[in-house]
Amino acid sequence: MNKITTILFCALSTVGLYAQRGYYYTDSLGKQGIFDNSGWISEYKDDVQNGICLGFDKVDSPRKLRTVGMYENDIPVGTWIYFDNNGNITLIIKDIKRNDSVFVVSKKYSFANNKPNYMAYMIEFYPTGIIKQEGPMYFDEDFNGDDSFCYGEWKYYNENGVLIKTEWTER
């Protein structure tokens, strides 16, 4: 957890510093620098998201941090962390990478050649910070969008963190 705290501190400090200086501009190659896009603060290079991305709610004042992640060439990469109203971690999506090997045979979801473009590992937490469930997820473009789904072996835990069930999931 200390590693996550350090990453968050550095990310917030960097974005806060740039945002206060107004570090952004648009040139012939498009957006450059740190942009505030209706609740999402993202780093751009040549009109493409590259670097840190912070998601804030649009209602509260001051705005509360909801999401921290990274983009590489407009594609989410690495680890994304989601927070509740109190700043507790509710969800971690990690190990985001291109899917080179997993084929999905599903009546609910359809992908080109039955192969989603990306895969990741998702961990959801109870409000107490104890793990609730974990397993693989797949998506074509955006794991926050309609094309993301859980598929494969998932583990489910009770509120004390004790594993209560492991099952194949498609949702």
N, C-alpha and C. Protein backbone atom coordinates (compact mmCIF):
# COMPACT_ATOMS: atom_id res chain seq x y z
N MET A 1 0.82 -1.18 0.00
CA MET A 1 0.00 0.00 0.00
C MET A 1 0.87 1.26 0.00
N ASN A 2 2.08 1.21 0.59
CA ASN A 2 2.97 2.37 0.60
C ASN A 2 3.36 2.77 -0.81
N LYS A 3 3.54 1.78 -1.70
CA LYS A 3 3.91 2.07 -3.09
C LYS A 3 2.78 2.85 -3.76
N ILE A 4 1.54 2.45 -3.52
CA ILE A 4 0.39 3.14 -4.10
C ILE A 4 0.32 4.57 -3.57
N THR A 5 0.53 4.75 -2.28
CA THR A 5 0.49 6.08 -1.68
C THR A 5 1.56 6.98 -2.30
N THR A 6 2.75 6.46 -2.47
CA THR A 6 3.84 7.24 -3.07
C THR A 6 3.51 7.62 -4.51
N ILE A 7 2.99 6.68 -5.28
CA ILE A 7 2.61 6.96 -6.67
C ILE A 7 1.55 8.03 -6.71
N LEU A 8 0.54 7.92 -5.85
CA LEU A 8 -0.54 8.92 -5.83
C LEU A 8 0.00 10.30 -5.48
N PHE A 9 0.86 10.37 -4.49
CA PHE A 9 1.43 11.66 -4.08
C PHE A 9 2.19 12.30 -5.23
N CYS A 10 3.04 11.51 -5.88
CA CYS A 10 3.82 12.05 -7.00
C CYS A 10 2.92 12.49 -8.15
N ALA A 11 1.91 11.67 -8.46
CA ALA A 11 1.01 12.01 -9.55
C ALA A 11 0.24 13.28 -9.26
N LEU A 12 -0.31 13.38 -8.06
CA LEU A 12 -1.09 14.56 -7.71
C LEU A 12 -0.21 15.80 -7.64
N SER A 13 0.99 15.68 -7.12
CA SER A 13 1.91 16.81 -7.05
C SER A 13 2.27 17.30 -8.45
N THR A 14 2.58 16.37 -9.34
CA THR A 14 2.97 16.73 -10.70
C THR A 14 1.81 17.40 -11.43
N VAL A 15 0.63 16.79 -11.39
CA VAL A 15 -0.51 17.36 -12.09
C VAL A 15 -0.89 18.69 -11.46
N GLY A 16 -0.86 18.79 -10.15
CA GLY A 16 -1.18 20.05 -9.48
C GLY A 16 -0.23 21.15 -9.88
N LEU A 17 1.05 20.84 -9.97
CA LEU A 17 2.05 21.81 -10.37
C LEU A 17 1.80 22.30 -11.79
N TYR A 18 1.59 21.37 -12.72
CA TYR A 18 1.35 21.76 -14.10
C TYR A 18 0.04 22.51 -14.26
N ALA A 19 -1.01 22.03 -13.60
CA ALA A 19 -2.32 22.67 -13.73
C ALA A 19 -2.26 24.12 -13.23
N GLN A 20 -1.52 24.35 -12.13
CA GLN A 20 -1.43 25.71 -11.60
C GLN A 20 -0.68 26.62 -12.56
N ARG A 21 0.26 26.07 -13.28
CA ARG A 21 1.03 26.87 -14.24
C ARG A 21 0.29 27.00 -15.57
N GLY A 22 -0.78 26.25 -15.74
CA GLY A 22 -1.47 26.29 -17.02
C GLY A 22 -0.66 25.62 -18.11
N TYR A 23 -0.05 24.49 -17.79
CA TYR A 23 0.86 23.81 -18.70
C TYR A 23 0.08 23.03 -19.76
N TYR A 24 -0.35 23.72 -20.79
CA TYR A 24 -1.00 23.06 -21.91
C TYR A 24 -1.06 24.04 -23.07
N TYR A 25 -1.14 23.49 -24.23
CA TYR A 25 -1.32 24.30 -25.43
C TYR A 25 -1.73 23.37 -26.56
N THR A 26 -2.19 23.95 -27.61
CA THR A 26 -2.55 23.20 -28.81
C THR A 26 -1.71 23.74 -29.94
N ASP A 27 -1.06 22.84 -30.66
CA ASP A 27 -0.26 23.27 -31.81
C ASP A 27 -0.69 22.47 -33.04
N SER A 28 0.11 22.49 -34.06
CA SER A 28 -0.26 21.79 -35.29
C SER A 28 -0.39 20.29 -35.08
N LEU A 29 0.21 19.75 -34.02
CA LEU A 29 0.11 18.32 -33.72
C LEU A 29 -1.02 18.01 -32.75
N GLY A 30 -1.73 19.03 -32.29
CA GLY A 30 -2.86 18.82 -31.38
C GLY A 30 -2.52 19.19 -29.95
N LYS A 31 -3.25 18.61 -29.01
CA LYS A 31 -3.07 18.92 -27.59
C LYS A 31 -1.69 18.50 -27.12
N GLN A 32 -1.10 19.35 -26.27
CA GLN A 32 0.19 19.07 -25.66
C GLN A 32 0.10 19.48 -24.19
N GLY A 33 0.49 18.60 -23.28
CA GLY A 33 0.53 18.95 -21.86
C GLY A 33 -0.63 18.39 -21.06
N ILE A 34 -0.95 19.05 -19.95
CA ILE A 34 -1.98 18.59 -19.01
C ILE A 34 -3.29 19.32 -19.32
N PHE A 35 -4.36 18.57 -19.57
CA PHE A 35 -5.66 19.14 -19.87
C PHE A 35 -6.70 18.67 -18.86
N ASP A 36 -7.61 19.56 -18.50
CA ASP A 36 -8.74 19.23 -17.64
C ASP A 36 -9.95 19.07 -18.55
N ASN A 37 -10.38 17.83 -18.73
CA ASN A 37 -11.48 17.51 -19.64
C ASN A 37 -12.72 17.08 -18.87
N SER A 38 -13.46 18.02 -18.33
CA SER A 38 -14.73 17.74 -17.64
C SER A 38 -14.60 16.63 -16.60
N GLY A 39 -13.73 16.83 -15.65
CA GLY A 39 -13.57 15.85 -14.58
C GLY A 39 -12.40 14.91 -14.75
N TRP A 40 -11.80 14.88 -15.92
CA TRP A 40 -10.63 14.04 -16.17
C TRP A 40 -9.45 14.94 -16.49
N ILE A 41 -8.39 14.81 -15.70
CA ILE A 41 -7.16 15.54 -15.98
C ILE A 41 -6.19 14.55 -16.61
N SER A 42 -5.81 14.81 -17.84
CA SER A 42 -4.99 13.87 -18.60
C SER A 42 -3.80 14.58 -19.21
N GLU A 43 -2.76 13.82 -19.37
CA GLU A 43 -1.55 14.32 -20.02
C GLU A 43 -1.60 13.93 -21.51
N TYR A 44 -1.35 14.90 -22.37
CA TYR A 44 -1.41 14.67 -23.81
C TYR A 44 -0.07 14.97 -24.47
N LYS A 45 0.20 14.22 -25.52
CA LYS A 45 1.35 14.51 -26.40
C LYS A 45 0.87 14.24 -27.82
N ASP A 46 0.97 15.23 -28.66
CA ASP A 46 0.53 15.13 -30.05
C ASP A 46 -0.92 14.69 -30.16
N ASP A 47 -1.78 15.27 -29.33
CA ASP A 47 -3.23 15.04 -29.34
C ASP A 47 -3.63 13.63 -28.90
N VAL A 48 -2.73 12.91 -28.25
CA VAL A 48 -2.98 11.55 -27.79
C VAL A 48 -2.68 11.49 -26.30
N GLN A 49 -3.56 10.81 -25.54
CA GLN A 49 -3.31 10.68 -24.11
C GLN A 49 -2.07 9.81 -23.89
N ASN A 50 -1.09 10.38 -23.20
CA ASN A 50 0.16 9.70 -22.88
C ASN A 50 0.58 10.17 -21.50
N GLY A 51 0.48 9.29 -20.51
CA GLY A 51 0.89 9.65 -19.17
C GLY A 51 -0.25 9.54 -18.18
N ILE A 52 -0.11 10.28 -17.10
CA ILE A 52 -1.03 10.20 -15.97
C ILE A 52 -2.43 10.66 -16.36
N CYS A 53 -3.43 10.02 -15.74
CA CYS A 53 -4.83 10.42 -15.92
C CYS A 53 -5.49 10.36 -14.56
N LEU A 54 -6.13 11.45 -14.16
CA LEU A 54 -6.83 11.52 -12.88
C LEU A 54 -8.29 11.82 -13.14
N GLY A 55 -9.16 11.03 -12.54
CA GLY A 55 -10.60 11.26 -12.68
C GLY A 55 -11.17 11.82 -11.39
N PHE A 56 -11.92 12.90 -11.48
CA PHE A 56 -12.55 13.54 -10.32
C PHE A 56 -14.05 13.54 -10.51
N ASP A 57 -14.79 13.54 -9.38
CA ASP A 57 -16.23 13.67 -9.54
C ASP A 57 -16.55 15.09 -9.97
N LYS A 58 -17.70 15.27 -10.55
CA LYS A 58 -18.06 16.58 -11.10
C LYS A 58 -18.97 17.37 -10.17
N VAL A 59 -19.37 16.76 -9.04
CA VAL A 59 -20.38 17.37 -8.18
C VAL A 59 -19.77 18.08 -6.98
N ASP A 60 -18.93 17.38 -6.25
CA ASP A 60 -18.39 17.91 -4.99
C ASP A 60 -17.43 19.06 -5.23
N SER A 61 -17.39 19.94 -4.24
CA SER A 61 -16.42 21.02 -4.27
C SER A 61 -15.77 21.08 -2.89
N PRO A 62 -14.50 20.88 -2.74
CA PRO A 62 -13.55 20.61 -3.82
C PRO A 62 -13.80 19.23 -4.45
N ARG A 63 -13.39 19.10 -5.69
CA ARG A 63 -13.60 17.84 -6.41
C ARG A 63 -12.82 16.72 -5.74
N LYS A 64 -13.44 15.54 -5.66
CA LYS A 64 -12.81 14.39 -5.03
C LYS A 64 -12.20 13.47 -6.08
N LEU A 65 -11.00 12.99 -5.77
CA LEU A 65 -10.32 12.07 -6.67
C LEU A 65 -11.08 10.74 -6.69
N ARG A 66 -11.37 10.24 -7.88
CA ARG A 66 -12.08 8.98 -8.05
C ARG A 66 -11.23 7.91 -8.72
N THR A 67 -10.30 8.33 -9.59
CA THR A 67 -9.55 7.38 -10.40
C THR A 67 -8.15 7.89 -10.66
N VAL A 68 -7.17 6.98 -10.64
CA VAL A 68 -5.80 7.29 -11.03
C VAL A 68 -5.34 6.19 -11.97
N GLY A 69 -4.77 6.58 -13.11
CA GLY A 69 -4.26 5.59 -14.05
C GLY A 69 -3.29 6.21 -15.03
N MET A 70 -2.87 5.44 -15.98
CA MET A 70 -1.92 5.88 -17.00
C MET A 70 -2.43 5.49 -18.38
N TYR A 71 -2.09 6.34 -19.35
CA TYR A 71 -2.36 6.04 -20.76
C TYR A 71 -1.05 5.99 -21.51
N GLU A 72 -1.03 5.15 -22.52
CA GLU A 72 0.09 5.09 -23.45
C GLU A 72 -0.52 5.01 -24.85
N ASN A 73 -0.35 6.05 -25.64
CA ASN A 73 -0.93 6.12 -26.98
C ASN A 73 -2.44 5.90 -26.97
N ASP A 74 -3.12 6.59 -26.05
CA ASP A 74 -4.59 6.55 -25.91
C ASP A 74 -5.12 5.22 -25.38
N ILE A 75 -4.27 4.36 -24.88
CA ILE A 75 -4.70 3.06 -24.36
C ILE A 75 -4.36 3.00 -22.88
N PRO A 76 -5.34 2.62 -22.03
CA PRO A 76 -5.03 2.49 -20.61
C PRO A 76 -4.00 1.38 -20.39
N VAL A 77 -3.00 1.64 -19.54
CA VAL A 77 -1.95 0.66 -19.27
C VAL A 77 -1.66 0.61 -17.77
N GLY A 78 -0.92 -0.41 -17.37
CA GLY A 78 -0.45 -0.50 -15.99
C GLY A 78 -1.55 -0.81 -15.00
N THR A 79 -1.63 0.01 -13.97
CA THR A 79 -2.59 -0.18 -12.88
C THR A 79 -3.48 1.05 -12.76
N TRP A 80 -4.78 0.82 -12.63
CA TRP A 80 -5.77 1.88 -12.40
C TRP A 80 -6.39 1.64 -11.04
N ILE A 81 -6.54 2.72 -10.29
CA ILE A 81 -7.07 2.63 -8.92
C ILE A 81 -8.32 3.52 -8.82
N TYR A 82 -9.38 2.98 -8.22
CA TYR A 82 -10.64 3.70 -8.05
C TYR A 82 -10.92 3.90 -6.56
N PHE A 83 -11.51 5.07 -6.23
CA PHE A 83 -11.75 5.45 -4.84
C PHE A 83 -13.22 5.76 -4.60
N ASP A 84 -13.67 5.59 -3.34
CA ASP A 84 -15.03 5.97 -2.96
C ASP A 84 -15.03 7.40 -2.42
N ASN A 85 -16.17 7.85 -1.89
CA ASN A 85 -16.31 9.22 -1.37
C ASN A 85 -15.34 9.55 -0.26
N ASN A 86 -14.91 8.53 0.49
CA ASN A 86 -14.02 8.75 1.63
C ASN A 86 -12.55 8.56 1.28
N GLY A 87 -12.25 8.31 0.02
CA GLY A 87 -10.87 8.12 -0.40
C GLY A 87 -10.37 6.70 -0.24
N ASN A 88 -11.25 5.76 0.10
CA ASN A 88 -10.86 4.35 0.23
C ASN A 88 -10.80 3.70 -1.15
N ILE A 89 -9.86 2.81 -1.33
CA ILE A 89 -9.75 2.09 -2.59
C ILE A 89 -10.90 1.10 -2.71
N THR A 90 -11.64 1.18 -3.82
CA THR A 90 -12.76 0.27 -4.06
C THR A 90 -12.44 -0.76 -5.13
N LEU A 91 -11.54 -0.39 -6.04
CA LEU A 91 -11.27 -1.26 -7.17
C LEU A 91 -9.86 -0.99 -7.69
N ILE A 92 -9.18 -2.06 -8.06
CA ILE A 92 -7.88 -1.96 -8.74
C ILE A 92 -7.96 -2.80 -10.00
N ILE A 93 -7.58 -2.19 -11.11
CA ILE A 93 -7.45 -2.93 -12.37
C ILE A 93 -5.98 -2.86 -12.73
N LYS A 94 -5.35 -4.02 -12.78
CA LYS A 94 -3.89 -4.04 -12.97
C LYS A 94 -3.49 -4.99 -14.09
N ASP A 95 -2.22 -4.94 -14.40
CA ASP A 95 -1.64 -5.80 -15.45
C ASP A 95 -2.38 -5.65 -16.77
N ILE A 96 -2.75 -4.42 -17.11
CA ILE A 96 -3.45 -4.17 -18.37
C ILE A 96 -2.46 -4.38 -19.50
N LYS A 97 -2.83 -5.21 -20.46
CA LYS A 97 -1.94 -5.48 -21.58
C LYS A 97 -2.74 -5.96 -22.78
N ARG A 98 -2.08 -5.96 -23.92
CA ARG A 98 -2.70 -6.45 -25.15
C ARG A 98 -2.94 -7.95 -24.99
N ASN A 99 -4.11 -8.39 -25.42
CA ASN A 99 -4.47 -9.80 -25.36
C ASN A 99 -3.96 -10.49 -26.63
N ASP A 100 -2.94 -11.29 -26.47
CA ASP A 100 -2.37 -11.99 -27.62
C ASP A 100 -2.78 -13.46 -27.69
N SER A 101 -3.46 -13.97 -26.65
CA SER A 101 -3.65 -15.41 -26.62
C SER A 101 -5.04 -15.90 -26.21
N VAL A 102 -5.84 -15.12 -25.51
CA VAL A 102 -7.10 -15.63 -24.96
C VAL A 102 -8.25 -15.38 -25.93
N PHE A 103 -8.92 -16.45 -26.29
CA PHE A 103 -10.11 -16.38 -27.12
C PHE A 103 -11.33 -16.55 -26.24
N VAL A 104 -12.38 -15.82 -26.54
CA VAL A 104 -13.59 -15.84 -25.72
C VAL A 104 -14.74 -16.40 -26.55
N VAL A 105 -15.32 -17.46 -26.06
CA VAL A 105 -16.51 -18.03 -26.70
C VAL A 105 -17.67 -17.72 -25.77
N SER A 106 -18.53 -16.81 -26.19
CA SER A 106 -19.59 -16.33 -25.33
C SER A 106 -20.85 -16.03 -26.13
N LYS A 107 -21.99 -16.32 -25.53
CA LYS A 107 -23.26 -15.96 -26.15
C LYS A 107 -23.60 -14.50 -25.85
N LYS A 108 -23.02 -13.96 -24.76
CA LYS A 108 -23.33 -12.60 -24.33
C LYS A 108 -22.49 -11.54 -25.03
N TYR A 109 -21.25 -11.86 -25.37
CA TYR A 109 -20.31 -10.88 -25.90
C TYR A 109 -19.77 -11.34 -27.24
N SER A 110 -19.54 -10.39 -28.12
CA SER A 110 -18.94 -10.76 -29.40
C SER A 110 -17.76 -9.82 -29.68
N PHE A 111 -16.69 -10.40 -30.09
CA PHE A 111 -15.49 -9.66 -30.45
C PHE A 111 -15.00 -10.18 -31.79
N ALA A 112 -14.24 -9.36 -32.49
CA ALA A 112 -13.69 -9.80 -33.76
C ALA A 112 -12.86 -11.06 -33.54
N ASN A 113 -13.18 -12.10 -34.25
CA ASN A 113 -12.48 -13.40 -34.13
C ASN A 113 -12.52 -13.96 -32.72
N ASN A 114 -13.54 -13.57 -31.93
CA ASN A 114 -13.69 -14.03 -30.54
C ASN A 114 -12.48 -13.70 -29.68
N LYS A 115 -11.79 -12.62 -30.00
CA LYS A 115 -10.59 -12.26 -29.24
C LYS A 115 -10.62 -10.78 -28.87
N PRO A 116 -10.91 -10.46 -27.58
CA PRO A 116 -10.86 -9.06 -27.15
C PRO A 116 -9.45 -8.50 -27.29
N ASN A 117 -9.34 -7.19 -27.52
CA ASN A 117 -8.03 -6.57 -27.73
C ASN A 117 -7.15 -6.55 -26.48
N TYR A 118 -7.78 -6.39 -25.30
CA TYR A 118 -6.99 -6.20 -24.07
C TYR A 118 -7.48 -7.10 -22.95
N MET A 119 -6.58 -7.33 -22.00
CA MET A 119 -6.91 -8.10 -20.82
C MET A 119 -6.30 -7.41 -19.60
N ALA A 120 -6.87 -7.72 -18.42
CA ALA A 120 -6.38 -7.13 -17.18
C ALA A 120 -6.81 -8.03 -16.03
N TYR A 121 -6.40 -7.66 -14.83
CA TYR A 121 -6.80 -8.39 -13.64
C TYR A 121 -7.50 -7.39 -12.72
N MET A 122 -8.71 -7.72 -12.27
CA MET A 122 -9.51 -6.81 -11.47
C MET A 122 -9.64 -7.31 -10.04
N ILE A 123 -9.48 -6.39 -9.09
CA ILE A 123 -9.65 -6.70 -7.67
C ILE A 123 -10.62 -5.67 -7.09
N GLU A 124 -11.73 -6.15 -6.53
CA GLU A 124 -12.71 -5.27 -5.90
C GLU A 124 -12.62 -5.44 -4.38
N PHE A 125 -12.84 -4.33 -3.65
CA PHE A 125 -12.71 -4.34 -2.20
C PHE A 125 -14.01 -3.95 -1.51
N TYR A 126 -14.22 -4.50 -0.31
CA TYR A 126 -15.29 -4.04 0.56
C TYR A 126 -14.92 -2.64 1.06
N PRO A 127 -15.89 -1.86 1.59
CA PRO A 127 -15.57 -0.53 2.14
C PRO A 127 -14.51 -0.58 3.24
N THR A 128 -14.35 -1.72 3.87
CA THR A 128 -13.36 -1.88 4.94
C THR A 128 -11.94 -2.05 4.40
N GLY A 129 -11.81 -2.21 3.07
CA GLY A 129 -10.51 -2.40 2.46
C GLY A 129 -10.14 -3.86 2.27
N ILE A 130 -11.00 -4.76 2.69
CA ILE A 130 -10.75 -6.20 2.53
C ILE A 130 -11.21 -6.63 1.14
N ILE A 131 -10.44 -7.51 0.53
CA ILE A 131 -10.76 -7.97 -0.82
C ILE A 131 -12.13 -8.64 -0.87
N LYS A 132 -12.89 -8.32 -1.91
CA LYS A 132 -14.24 -8.86 -2.09
C LYS A 132 -14.26 -9.92 -3.20
N GLN A 133 -13.64 -9.60 -4.33
CA GLN A 133 -13.57 -10.53 -5.46
C GLN A 133 -12.42 -10.16 -6.36
N GLU A 134 -11.95 -11.13 -7.14
CA GLU A 134 -10.85 -10.88 -8.06
C GLU A 134 -10.87 -11.87 -9.20
N GLY A 135 -10.39 -11.39 -10.36
CA GLY A 135 -10.31 -12.28 -11.51
C GLY A 135 -10.00 -11.51 -12.79
N PRO A 136 -9.90 -12.24 -13.91
CA PRO A 136 -9.54 -11.62 -15.18
C PRO A 136 -10.71 -10.88 -15.82
N MET A 137 -10.38 -9.82 -16.54
CA MET A 137 -11.37 -9.09 -17.32
C MET A 137 -10.79 -8.81 -18.70
N TYR A 138 -11.69 -8.56 -19.65
CA TYR A 138 -11.29 -8.33 -21.03
C TYR A 138 -12.06 -7.15 -21.59
N PHE A 139 -11.49 -6.47 -22.57
CA PHE A 139 -12.16 -5.34 -23.20
C PHE A 139 -11.51 -5.05 -24.55
N ASP A 140 -12.26 -4.33 -25.39
CA ASP A 140 -11.73 -3.97 -26.71
C ASP A 140 -11.02 -2.62 -26.68
N GLU A 141 -11.66 -1.59 -26.13
CA GLU A 141 -11.06 -0.26 -26.14
C GLU A 141 -10.98 0.38 -24.76
N ASP A 142 -12.00 0.23 -23.94
CA ASP A 142 -12.07 0.95 -22.68
C ASP A 142 -12.67 0.05 -21.60
N PHE A 143 -11.91 -0.24 -20.56
CA PHE A 143 -12.43 -1.13 -19.53
C PHE A 143 -13.55 -0.50 -18.71
N ASN A 144 -13.77 0.79 -18.86
CA ASN A 144 -14.90 1.46 -18.22
C ASN A 144 -16.15 1.42 -19.09
N GLY A 145 -16.02 0.96 -20.30
CA GLY A 145 -17.12 1.03 -21.25
C GLY A 145 -17.96 -0.23 -21.31
N ASP A 146 -18.87 -0.23 -22.27
CA ASP A 146 -19.79 -1.34 -22.44
C ASP A 146 -19.12 -2.60 -22.97
N ASP A 147 -17.91 -2.48 -23.49
CA ASP A 147 -17.27 -3.66 -24.07
C ASP A 147 -16.37 -4.40 -23.08
N SER A 148 -16.43 -4.04 -21.80
CA SER A 148 -15.61 -4.76 -20.81
C SER A 148 -16.45 -5.83 -20.13
N PHE A 149 -15.82 -6.93 -19.79
CA PHE A 149 -16.54 -7.99 -19.10
C PHE A 149 -15.56 -8.90 -18.35
N CYS A 150 -16.10 -9.60 -17.38
CA CYS A 150 -15.34 -10.56 -16.58
C CYS A 150 -15.54 -11.94 -17.19
N TYR A 151 -14.45 -12.65 -17.37
CA TYR A 151 -14.54 -13.94 -18.05
C TYR A 151 -13.37 -14.79 -17.57
N GLY A 152 -13.68 -15.91 -16.95
CA GLY A 152 -12.64 -16.80 -16.47
C GLY A 152 -12.86 -17.17 -15.02
N GLU A 153 -11.81 -17.66 -14.38
CA GLU A 153 -11.91 -18.10 -12.98
C GLU A 153 -11.84 -16.90 -12.04
N TRP A 154 -12.88 -16.73 -11.25
CA TRP A 154 -12.98 -15.64 -10.29
C TRP A 154 -13.02 -16.20 -8.88
N LYS A 155 -12.43 -15.43 -7.95
CA LYS A 155 -12.43 -15.79 -6.53
C LYS A 155 -13.29 -14.79 -5.78
N TYR A 156 -14.10 -15.29 -4.86
CA TYR A 156 -15.01 -14.46 -4.06
C TYR A 156 -14.69 -14.66 -2.58
N TYR A 157 -14.70 -13.55 -1.83
CA TYR A 157 -14.31 -13.57 -0.42
C TYR A 157 -15.43 -13.00 0.45
N ASN A 158 -15.50 -13.46 1.71
CA ASN A 158 -16.46 -12.85 2.64
C ASN A 158 -15.86 -11.58 3.22
N GLU A 159 -16.61 -10.90 4.09
CA GLU A 159 -16.16 -9.60 4.61
C GLU A 159 -14.96 -9.70 5.55
N ASN A 160 -14.57 -10.93 5.89
CA ASN A 160 -13.36 -11.13 6.69
C ASN A 160 -12.15 -11.47 5.82
N GLY A 161 -12.37 -11.52 4.51
CA GLY A 161 -11.27 -11.81 3.59
C GLY A 161 -11.02 -13.29 3.38
N VAL A 162 -11.95 -14.14 3.83
CA VAL A 162 -11.81 -15.59 3.67
C VAL A 162 -12.40 -16.00 2.33
N LEU A 163 -11.64 -16.75 1.56
CA LEU A 163 -12.11 -17.23 0.27
C LEU A 163 -13.32 -18.13 0.49
N ILE A 164 -14.44 -17.80 -0.16
CA ILE A 164 -15.65 -18.61 0.02
C ILE A 164 -16.05 -19.36 -1.24
N LYS A 165 -15.55 -18.90 -2.40
CA LYS A 165 -15.96 -19.55 -3.63
C LYS A 165 -15.00 -19.20 -4.76
N THR A 166 -14.74 -20.18 -5.59
CA THR A 166 -14.01 -19.96 -6.84
C THR A 166 -14.88 -20.55 -7.94
N GLU A 167 -15.15 -19.76 -8.97
CA GLU A 167 -15.99 -20.26 -10.05
C GLU A 167 -15.67 -19.60 -11.37
N TRP A 168 -16.09 -20.27 -12.44
CA TRP A 168 -15.97 -19.71 -13.77
C TRP A 168 -17.05 -18.65 -13.93
N THR A 169 -16.65 -17.46 -14.39
CA THR A 169 -17.59 -16.34 -14.48
C THR A 169 -17.62 -15.79 -15.89
N GLU A 170 -18.81 -15.41 -16.30
CA GLU A 170 -19.00 -14.71 -17.58
C GLU A 170 -20.06 -13.64 -17.35
N ARG A 171 -19.58 -12.41 -17.11
CA ARG A 171 -20.52 -11.30 -16.85
C ARG A 171 -19.94 -9.97 -17.30
